[in-house]
Protein backbone atom coordinates (compact mmCIF):
# COMPACT_ATOMS: atom_id res chain seq x y z
CA MET A 1 0.03 0.07 0.23
CA SER A 2 1.76 3.07 -1.15
CA GLN A 3 0.12 5.40 1.69
CA ALA A 4 0.52 4.98 5.31
CA ALA A 5 -2.51 3.00 7.22
CA PRO A 6 -4.54 5.09 9.28
CA SER A 7 -3.90 5.16 13.07
CA GLU A 8 -6.98 6.22 15.31
CA SER A 9 -6.53 9.93 15.14
CA SER A 10 -5.55 10.19 11.63
CA ALA A 11 -7.70 11.01 8.66
CA PRO A 12 -9.13 8.44 6.36
CA VAL A 13 -6.61 7.24 3.59
CA ARG A 14 -7.64 6.41 -0.28
CA PHE A 15 -7.42 2.45 -0.58
CA GLY A 16 -8.06 0.75 -3.70
CA GLY A 17 -10.24 1.51 -6.24
CA SER A 18 -13.50 2.64 -3.97
CA TYR A 19 -12.67 2.39 -0.02
CA TRP A 20 -11.41 4.84 2.35
CA LEU A 21 -9.55 3.23 5.28
CA LEU A 22 -11.12 4.38 8.08
CA ARG A 23 -9.11 3.11 11.28
CA GLN A 24 -7.10 -0.21 12.22
CA LEU A 25 -9.27 -3.00 14.06
CA ALA A 26 -6.83 -5.52 14.62
CA VAL A 27 -3.56 -7.31 13.39
CA GLY A 28 -3.26 -11.04 13.35
CA GLY A 29 -0.48 -13.58 12.30
CA MET A 30 -1.29 -13.54 8.82
CA ALA A 31 -3.71 -10.08 7.72
CA GLU A 32 -4.51 -6.70 9.05
CA ILE A 33 -7.94 -5.65 9.35
CA TYR A 34 -9.45 -2.29 9.00
CA LEU A 35 -12.72 -0.47 8.98
CA ALA A 36 -13.26 0.92 5.80
CA ARG A 37 -16.12 3.07 3.75
CA GLN A 38 -17.11 2.24 -0.05
CA ASP A 39 -17.75 5.09 -2.45
CA ALA A 40 -19.71 5.33 -5.23
CA MET A 41 -21.96 7.27 -7.64
CA HIS A 42 -24.97 9.37 -6.39
CA GLY A 43 -23.79 9.33 -2.44
CA PHE A 44 -23.57 5.76 -2.50
CA GLU A 45 -21.76 4.84 0.81
CA LYS A 46 -21.17 1.35 2.62
CA ASP A 47 -19.12 0.47 5.80
CA VAL A 48 -17.11 -2.31 4.98
CA VAL A 49 -14.50 -4.76 6.48
CA ILE A 50 -11.06 -4.55 4.80
CA LYS A 51 -8.69 -7.74 5.48
CA ARG A 52 -5.21 -7.05 4.19
CA LEU A 53 -2.66 -9.55 3.95
CA LYS A 54 0.37 -8.35 5.67
CA PRO A 55 2.72 -7.29 3.23
CA GLU A 56 5.91 -9.40 4.00
CA LEU A 57 3.69 -12.43 3.55
CA ALA A 58 2.73 -11.59 0.23
CA VAL A 59 6.19 -12.99 -1.17
CA ASP A 60 4.94 -16.32 -0.25
CA PRO A 61 2.86 -18.35 -2.62
CA ARG A 62 1.70 -20.93 -0.37
CA ILE A 63 0.75 -18.14 1.79
CA VAL A 64 -1.11 -15.92 -0.86
CA GLU A 65 -3.01 -19.31 -2.05
CA MET A 66 -4.40 -19.65 1.39
CA PHE A 67 -5.78 -15.98 1.86
CA LEU A 68 -7.25 -16.57 -1.99
CA ASP A 69 -8.85 -19.72 -0.42
CA GLU A 70 -10.82 -17.79 2.12
CA ALA A 71 -12.01 -15.45 -0.53
CA ARG A 72 -13.36 -18.00 -2.73
CA ILE A 73 -15.40 -19.41 -0.07
CA GLY A 74 -16.96 -16.34 1.41
CA ALA A 75 -17.51 -15.66 -2.26
CA ALA A 76 -19.89 -18.90 -2.55
CA LEU A 77 -21.81 -18.29 0.62
CA ASN A 78 -24.91 -15.96 1.26
CA HIS A 79 -26.71 -16.81 4.63
CA PRO A 80 -27.88 -14.73 7.58
CA ASN A 81 -25.60 -16.56 9.98
CA VAL A 82 -22.33 -16.23 7.99
CA VAL A 83 -20.18 -13.59 7.26
CA HIS A 84 -20.95 -11.60 3.89
CA VAL A 85 -17.79 -11.54 1.21
CA TYR A 86 -18.39 -8.56 -0.87
CA ASP A 87 -14.80 -8.13 -2.94
CA VAL A 88 -11.16 -9.30 -3.63
CA ASP A 89 -8.38 -7.28 -5.24
CA GLU A 90 -4.87 -6.32 -4.96
CA GLN A 91 -3.22 -3.10 -3.81
CA ASP A 92 0.13 -2.46 -4.43
CA GLY A 93 0.69 -6.13 -5.30
CA VAL A 94 -0.61 -7.43 -1.69
CA PRO A 95 -4.21 -8.66 -2.22
CA TYR A 96 -7.06 -7.80 0.23
CA ILE A 97 -10.42 -8.88 0.89
CA ALA A 98 -13.56 -6.48 1.65
CA MET A 99 -16.44 -8.21 3.57
CA GLU A 100 -19.37 -7.35 5.81
CA TYR A 101 -18.53 -4.88 8.92
CA ILE A 102 -20.58 -6.39 11.91
CA HIS A 103 -21.98 -4.10 14.55
CA GLY A 104 -21.50 -6.99 17.44
CA GLU A 105 -18.86 -8.58 19.35
CA GLU A 106 -17.46 -11.98 19.99
CA LEU A 107 -18.86 -14.47 22.00
CA ASN A 108 -16.44 -15.05 24.38
CA GLN A 109 -16.57 -11.11 25.07
CA LEU A 110 -20.34 -11.05 25.48
CA CYS A 111 -19.75 -13.34 28.60
CA ARG A 112 -16.89 -11.88 29.96
CA ARG A 113 -19.50 -8.40 29.71
CA GLY A 114 -22.29 -10.28 31.02
CA LEU A 115 -19.90 -12.11 33.87
CA GLY A 116 -18.58 -8.52 35.04
CA HIS A 117 -22.38 -7.32 35.35
CA GLY A 118 -23.61 -10.29 37.27
CA LYS A 119 -25.95 -11.09 34.34
CA PHE A 120 -24.10 -14.28 32.21
CA LEU A 121 -25.73 -14.92 29.04
CA PRO A 122 -29.26 -16.72 29.85
CA LEU A 123 -29.58 -20.37 29.06
CA GLU A 124 -32.25 -19.88 26.76
CA HIS A 125 -30.16 -17.10 24.78
CA ALA A 126 -27.10 -19.50 25.00
CA ILE A 127 -29.15 -22.24 23.27
CA GLU A 128 -30.44 -19.90 20.63
CA LEU A 129 -27.09 -18.65 19.82
CA MET A 130 -25.95 -22.09 18.90
CA ARG A 131 -28.86 -23.02 16.94
CA GLN A 132 -28.18 -20.18 14.80
CA ALA A 133 -24.44 -21.24 14.69
CA ALA A 134 -25.86 -24.62 13.62
CA ALA A 135 -27.86 -23.48 11.17
CA GLY A 136 -25.04 -21.29 9.31
CA MET A 137 -22.71 -24.19 9.42
CA GLY A 138 -25.10 -26.86 7.89
CA TYR A 139 -25.54 -24.18 5.43
CA PHE A 140 -21.98 -23.84 4.36
CA HIS A 141 -21.03 -27.68 4.77
CA HIS A 142 -23.50 -28.92 2.18
CA ARG A 143 -23.16 -25.98 -0.04
CA ARG A 144 -22.81 -27.11 -4.02
CA ALA A 145 -20.91 -25.68 -6.52
CA ALA A 146 -22.42 -24.95 -9.75
CA ASP A 147 -21.78 -28.32 -11.00
CA GLY A 148 -23.74 -29.51 -8.47
CA ASP A 149 -21.02 -31.36 -6.70
CA GLY A 150 -20.66 -30.41 -2.71
CA ARG A 151 -17.93 -27.81 -1.92
CA ASP A 152 -16.78 -29.75 1.20
CA ILE A 153 -16.54 -26.74 3.69
CA VAL A 154 -15.13 -27.29 6.78
CA HIS A 155 -14.23 -24.54 8.64
CA LEU A 156 -11.64 -26.10 11.13
CA ASP A 157 -11.73 -23.14 13.74
CA ILE A 158 -14.88 -22.77 15.36
CA SER A 159 -14.36 -20.95 18.49
CA PRO A 160 -16.25 -18.28 20.71
CA THR A 161 -13.70 -15.84 19.13
CA ASN A 162 -14.98 -16.56 15.43
CA LEU A 163 -18.65 -16.78 16.31
CA LEU A 164 -19.80 -12.82 16.66
CA VAL A 165 -23.00 -11.59 18.13
CA THR A 166 -24.47 -8.96 16.57
CA GLU A 167 -26.49 -5.81 18.26
CA ASP A 168 -29.73 -6.83 16.93
CA GLY A 169 -29.23 -10.67 18.25
CA PHE A 170 -27.92 -12.70 15.29
CA LEU A 171 -25.07 -15.01 15.02
CA LYS A 172 -22.47 -14.84 12.49
CA ILE A 173 -19.53 -17.35 11.87
CA ILE A 174 -16.31 -15.35 10.70
CA ASP A 175 -13.16 -16.21 9.49
CA PHE A 176 -12.57 -18.88 6.64
CA GLY A 177 -9.17 -18.28 6.87
CA ILE A 178 -7.79 -21.77 7.46
CA ALA A 179 -11.01 -23.45 6.20
CA ARG A 180 -10.67 -26.35 3.62
CA ALA A 181 -12.84 -27.36 0.57
CA ARG A 182 -12.74 -29.17 -2.18
CA GLY A 183 -10.48 -27.84 -5.22
CA GLN A 184 -7.73 -26.29 -2.61
CA LYS A 185 -3.78 -26.92 -3.62
CA TYR A 186 -2.51 -29.34 -0.74
CA ARG A 187 -1.52 -28.17 2.39
CA ASP A 188 1.23 -29.01 5.07
CA GLU A 189 -0.15 -31.40 7.20
CA ALA A 190 2.47 -31.34 9.66
CA ALA A 191 1.03 -27.86 11.10
CA ILE A 192 -2.15 -27.74 12.70
CA PRO A 193 -3.87 -24.72 12.40
CA GLY A 194 -7.07 -23.69 14.70
CA LYS A 195 -7.46 -23.61 18.31
CA LEU A 196 -6.06 -26.67 20.44
CA SER A 197 -8.84 -26.53 22.99
CA TYR A 198 -11.83 -26.35 20.36
CA MET A 199 -10.16 -29.02 18.03
CA SER A 200 -11.79 -32.62 17.32
CA PRO A 201 -9.86 -35.48 18.29
CA GLU A 202 -9.02 -36.08 14.57
CA GLN A 203 -8.10 -32.96 14.01
CA ALA A 204 -5.77 -32.76 17.19
CA SER A 205 -4.03 -35.86 16.18
CA ARG A 206 -3.76 -34.93 12.56
CA GLN A 207 -6.05 -37.23 11.17
CA ARG A 208 -8.30 -36.72 8.01
CA VAL A 209 -11.45 -34.77 9.10
CA ASP A 210 -14.68 -33.67 7.67
CA HIS A 211 -17.57 -31.57 8.16
CA ARG A 212 -18.22 -33.80 11.54
CA SER A 213 -15.00 -31.56 13.08
CA ASP A 214 -16.79 -28.71 12.93
CA LEU A 215 -19.91 -29.87 15.03
CA PHE A 216 -17.31 -31.32 17.81
CA SER A 217 -15.94 -27.73 18.17
CA LEU A 218 -19.21 -26.18 18.56
CA GLY A 219 -20.07 -28.83 20.77
CA VAL A 220 -17.50 -27.78 22.85
CA VAL A 221 -18.46 -24.02 22.65
CA LEU A 222 -22.26 -25.16 23.72
CA TYR A 223 -20.56 -27.20 26.71
CA GLU A 224 -18.80 -23.82 27.87
CA ILE A 225 -21.76 -21.54 27.70
CA THR A 226 -24.34 -23.61 28.86
CA VAL A 227 -22.06 -25.08 31.77
CA GLY A 228 -20.23 -21.98 32.66
CA LYS A 229 -16.82 -24.20 32.60
CA ARG A 230 -13.56 -24.17 30.15
CA LEU A 231 -13.83 -28.22 28.75
CA PHE A 232 -10.22 -28.48 27.36
CA LYS A 233 -8.07 -26.15 29.56
CA GLY A 234 -4.06 -26.95 30.15
CA PRO A 235 -0.70 -27.50 28.75
CA ALA A 236 -1.20 -28.55 25.27
CA ALA A 237 0.22 -32.00 25.77
CA GLU A 238 -2.28 -32.36 28.41
CA VAL A 239 -5.31 -30.82 26.33
CA VAL A 240 -4.27 -33.34 22.97
CA LYS A 241 -4.11 -36.24 25.43
CA ARG A 242 -7.62 -35.49 26.51
CA LEU A 243 -9.04 -34.82 23.22
CA VAL A 244 -7.85 -38.18 21.95
CA ALA A 245 -8.75 -39.81 24.84
CA GLY A 246 -12.44 -38.66 24.87
CA GLN A 247 -12.43 -37.54 28.14
CA VAL A 248 -15.33 -35.36 28.76
CA GLU A 249 -17.20 -35.33 32.08
CA PRO A 250 -21.18 -34.77 31.04
CA PRO A 251 -22.28 -31.46 32.36
CA THR A 252 -24.31 -32.70 35.16
CA PHE A 253 -21.37 -33.73 36.75
CA ILE A 254 -20.40 -29.89 37.35
CA ARG A 255 -24.41 -28.76 37.36
CA ARG A 256 -26.64 -30.79 39.33
CA ASP A 257 -29.69 -28.72 37.63
CA PHE A 258 -28.54 -29.31 34.16
CA PRO A 259 -31.58 -30.12 31.70
CA GLY A 260 -31.43 -33.25 30.28
CA PRO A 261 -32.49 -33.14 27.03
CA LEU A 262 -29.39 -30.44 26.50
CA GLU A 263 -26.65 -32.65 28.20
CA ALA A 264 -27.33 -35.44 25.48
CA VAL A 265 -27.60 -33.08 22.76
CA VAL A 266 -24.29 -31.91 24.24
CA MET A 267 -22.80 -35.04 24.69
CA ARG A 268 -23.70 -36.50 21.43
CA CYS A 269 -21.52 -33.60 19.55
CA LEU A 270 -18.84 -34.60 21.90
CA GLU A 271 -18.13 -38.02 20.88
CA LYS A 272 -14.88 -39.52 20.21
CA HIS A 273 -15.68 -40.91 17.07
CA PRO A 274 -17.15 -38.74 13.82
CA ALA A 275 -19.77 -41.81 13.16
CA ASP A 276 -21.17 -41.13 16.65
CA ARG A 277 -21.57 -37.37 16.33
CA TYR A 278 -24.52 -35.68 14.58
CA GLN A 279 -23.91 -36.46 10.90
CA SER A 280 -25.81 -32.75 10.14
CA ALA A 281 -25.49 -29.47 11.98
CA TYR A 282 -29.26 -28.87 10.55
CA ASP A 283 -30.24 -32.02 12.75
CA LEU A 284 -28.50 -29.59 15.75
CA ALA A 285 -30.21 -27.32 14.93
CA ASP A 286 -33.72 -28.82 15.21
CA ASP A 287 -32.85 -30.64 18.42
CA LEU A 288 -31.63 -27.17 19.76
CA GLU A 289 -34.95 -25.58 18.60
CA ASP A 290 -37.01 -28.73 20.36
CA ILE A 291 -35.24 -28.15 23.79
CA LEU A 292 -36.51 -24.52 23.48
CA ARG A 293 -39.73 -25.49 23.20
CA GLU A 294 -39.70 -28.64 25.63
CA LEU A 295 -38.08 -26.51 28.39
CA ARG A 296 -40.44 -23.91 27.75
CA LEU A 297 -37.97 -21.49 27.26
CA HIS A 298 -38.26 -18.21 24.78
CA SER A 299 -35.22 -16.78 23.10
CA GLY A 300 -34.62 -15.27 19.37
CA PRO A 301 -33.09 -12.14 18.04
CA VAL A 302 -35.05 -9.47 19.47
CA ARG A 303 -35.13 -11.43 23.05
CA ILE A 304 -31.03 -11.12 22.77
CA ALA A 305 -31.24 -7.89 21.85
CA ARG A 306 -32.97 -6.57 25.07
CA TYR A 307 -30.40 -8.60 26.83
CA LEU A 308 -27.34 -6.89 25.17
CA ASP A 309 -29.28 -3.53 26.06
CA GLU A 310 -29.72 -4.70 29.71
CA LEU A 311 -25.93 -4.96 29.56
CA ALA A 312 -25.45 -1.47 28.50
CA MET A 313 -27.85 0.19 31.08
CA ALA A 314 -25.68 -2.07 33.57
CA ALA A 315 -22.79 -0.37 32.34
CA GLY A 316 -24.33 3.06 32.45
CA GLY A 317 -25.74 3.45 28.86
CA GLN A 318 -28.92 3.78 27.54
CA ARG A 319 -31.61 1.33 26.07
CA ARG A 320 -32.99 1.62 22.41
CA PRO A 321 -36.68 2.88 22.61
CA GLU A 322 -37.50 0.52 19.83
CA LEU A 323 -36.80 -2.33 21.86
CA ILE A 324 -39.01 -1.50 24.99
CA SER A 325 -41.80 -3.85 24.88
CA GLU A 326 -45.62 -3.07 25.68
CA ALA A 327 -45.73 -5.08 28.69
CA GLU A 328 -42.52 -3.05 30.07
CA GLN A 329 -44.03 -0.11 29.19
CA ARG A 330 -47.46 -0.65 30.69
CA SER A 331 -45.78 -1.61 33.91
CA ALA A 332 -43.87 1.56 33.79
CA ASP A 333 -46.98 3.47 33.28
CA ASP A 334 -48.33 1.75 36.45
CA GLU A 335 -45.69 2.58 38.16
CA HIS A 336 -45.79 6.23 37.22
CA ALA A 337 -49.51 6.51 38.35
CA VAL A 338 -48.80 4.81 41.81
CA ASP A 339 -45.98 7.38 42.21
CA ARG A 340 -48.48 10.18 41.51
CA HIS A 341 -50.86 8.83 43.70
CA HIS A 342 -48.60 8.68 46.89
CA HIS A 343 -47.27 11.80 46.40
CA VAL A 344 -50.53 13.92 46.23
CA GLY A 345 -50.78 16.64 48.71
CA ARG A 346 -53.09 15.86 51.50
CA PRO A 347 -55.81 18.34 50.65
CA GLU A 348 -56.15 17.10 46.93
CA ARG A 349 -56.27 13.56 47.91
CA GLN A 350 -59.17 14.28 50.47
CA ARG A 351 -60.92 16.10 47.56
CA VAL A 352 -60.55 13.47 45.42
CA GLU A 353 -61.52 10.69 47.87
CA GLN A 354 -64.59 13.03 48.97
CA ARG A 355 -65.80 13.31 45.48
CA ALA A 356 -65.43 9.72 45.28
CA HIS A 357 -67.59 8.91 48.08
CA ARG A 358 -70.18 11.36 47.19
CA TYR A 359 -70.55 10.27 43.39
CA SER A 360 -70.43 6.47 44.74
CA GLN A 361 -73.71 7.54 47.31
CA GLY A 362 -75.43 9.70 45.33
CA ASP A 363 -75.40 13.41 45.16
CA ALA A 364 -77.14 16.55 46.45
CA ALA A 365 -79.85 16.14 43.49
CA GLY A 366 -81.46 13.19 44.57
CA ASP A 367 -79.57 10.52 43.44
CA GLY A 368 -80.46 7.54 45.79
CA PRO A 369 -78.28 4.70 47.00
CA GLN A 370 -79.88 2.91 43.96
CA GLN A 371 -78.61 5.33 41.34
CA ARG A 372 -75.29 5.80 42.23
CA ARG A 373 -72.74 7.22 39.61
CA PRO A 374 -69.78 5.22 38.80
CA LEU A 375 -66.28 6.35 40.21
CA ASP A 376 -64.69 8.72 37.98
CA LEU A 377 -61.87 7.75 35.51
CA GLU A 378 -58.98 9.25 37.53
CA GLN A 379 -59.80 7.67 40.65
CA GLN A 380 -60.59 4.19 39.06
CA ARG A 381 -57.15 4.34 37.27
CA LEU A 382 -55.16 5.29 40.58
CA GLU A 383 -56.80 2.42 42.48
CA LEU A 384 -56.33 -0.31 39.77
CA ALA A 385 -52.90 0.96 39.54
CA ALA A 386 -52.38 0.75 43.42
CA GLN A 387 -54.10 -3.26 43.59
CA ARG A 388 -51.26 -4.04 40.89
CA HIS A 389 -48.20 -2.21 42.89
CA HIS A 390 -49.81 -4.29 45.76
CA GLN A 391 -50.03 -7.29 44.14
CA ASN A 392 -46.27 -6.73 42.63
CA GLY A 393 -44.83 -5.89 46.09
CA GLU A 394 -42.92 -8.72 46.16
CA ASP A 395 -40.67 -7.42 43.44
CA ARG A 396 -39.04 -5.04 45.64
CA ASP A 397 -36.66 -6.10 48.25
CA ASP A 398 -36.85 -4.69 51.73
CA GLY A 399 -35.19 -1.50 51.01
CA GLY A 400 -38.10 -0.41 48.37
CA ARG A 401 -35.28 -0.78 45.27
CA HIS A 402 -36.31 -3.03 42.24
CA ARG A 403 -34.89 -6.30 41.84
CA GLN A 404 -33.02 -6.71 38.29
CA HIS A 405 -35.90 -7.66 35.71
CA HIS A 406 -34.82 -9.82 32.80
CA ILE A 407 -35.99 -7.45 29.49
CA GLY A 408 -39.49 -9.33 28.47
CA GLY A 409 -41.12 -9.36 31.54
CA ARG A 410 -39.80 -12.26 33.41
CA ALA A 411 -38.22 -11.87 36.78
CA ALA A 412 -35.40 -13.37 38.33
CA ALA A 413 -32.96 -12.46 41.67
CA PRO A 414 -29.68 -11.45 41.20
CA LEU A 415 -27.03 -13.90 40.72
CA GLY A 416 -24.89 -14.53 43.47
CA GLU A 417 -21.25 -14.55 44.27
CA LEU A 418 -18.63 -15.89 41.35
CA HIS A 419 -17.36 -19.51 42.47
CA GLU A 420 -14.46 -21.28 40.37
CA GLN A 421 -16.35 -24.37 41.05
CA SER A 422 -19.71 -24.22 41.81
CA HIS A 423 -22.80 -21.98 40.24
CA GLU A 424 -25.85 -20.57 42.03
CA ARG A 425 -29.10 -20.85 40.98
CA VAL A 426 -31.26 -18.07 39.56
CA ALA A 427 -34.90 -17.93 40.61
CA GLY A 428 -37.41 -19.36 38.19
CA HIS A 429 -39.71 -17.87 35.93
CA ALA A 430 -43.36 -16.98 36.73
CA GLU A 431 -45.98 -19.30 35.19
CA GLN A 432 -44.23 -22.38 36.34
CA ARG A 433 -41.69 -22.15 33.85
CA PRO A 434 -38.36 -24.36 34.38
CA GLN A 435 -35.77 -22.35 36.57
CA HIS A 436 -33.18 -19.88 35.00
CA ILE A 437 -29.70 -21.46 34.64
CA GLY A 438 -27.43 -18.36 35.66
CA LEU A 439 -24.35 -19.43 35.14
CA HIS A 440 -21.68 -17.25 36.69
CA HIS A 441 -18.28 -19.17 36.68
CA GLY A 442 -15.11 -16.44 36.64
CA ALA A 443 -12.66 -19.02 34.99
CA PRO A 444 -13.64 -19.56 31.51
CA PHE A 445 -14.14 -16.15 30.10
CA LEU A 446 -11.89 -13.73 32.02
């Protein structure tokens, strides 16, 4: 690149034929990541991410080919749970990829943020996010080329850092940098790409891998964000030994209240032999959806977005008005009405009460007891709000402060203290729903 890359405070730098580099987002082992803006005729503008191969690596044909493989794989994919690739080109002999700019954060960052505010990712949202990941995975695993043959895409690097949660509650699978697909050139099998703690046994032992390796990796993520504990952690040699031996403690060994149907799904993903795992990520997505229904848990992009707003509020931020539900708005209105009723001055309150009594008994015009007038609407509204306030009294603690509420109207008690090897349970939902599993292990995401 002929111009210097932009820093946090520098002006945008022209790049390629239609991009402006705004700022650097990250630097990895192979590439530099920039936030950029694409412009075109008649005021067209679009924020994108530019992934540029490091110039010193552009002289290695093998590395350049791997980089272009990522672009080719991404160009063949178009799914709401997979990052979109828009363009590939080169600048000053260095290749780059233009791809979707995702407004969100890595799954591990989200878990750490929730942990820090005592609001670890709720079980229903953890299941829903993994369902979305499985749906995207099923899509690229079974994607076909123009000739009708399967592309045989295997991601090989499924981990919390490559699963992004958008501010609108969607999950995106990113970074196909080490993915494999039909038609690629030979790659050195002596090197083990990916993150060891999320590899399948066959990947860690340098055996032949297929799409079922990704299912094992996603199973590790599912285990960790629902149990709240790292699964494979420690020195590399020890992790490889456990992976190859297939040593996995069932979730109920750590959380006695872990849902049985979910445990069965987790353990099937983590089977040592690929033939014993799910054979399709689509089947995994179906089973996770069934579990949400069976456990009467409710999630989805909007509910997840509301949870993200809850975390923002805990950090001193604001909620998005469009995500405040009607039920919450009605509750807030009732609270406001009760507060007004309690703060009415004594003379005014006596006047309202006397007028209500006079209307209910009949006035001086000769209305008898059989012709009572109804209470005025204002008094009815105040009494109704006071009744609701009294009925919901248990939603306040002894100090009169509101407890934390899950967005969507389902109350839950505050999380307890963090423990390394134990968990506290969050109070059950209303309407006899299954108890919400509040996961707050400190170790996995710190």
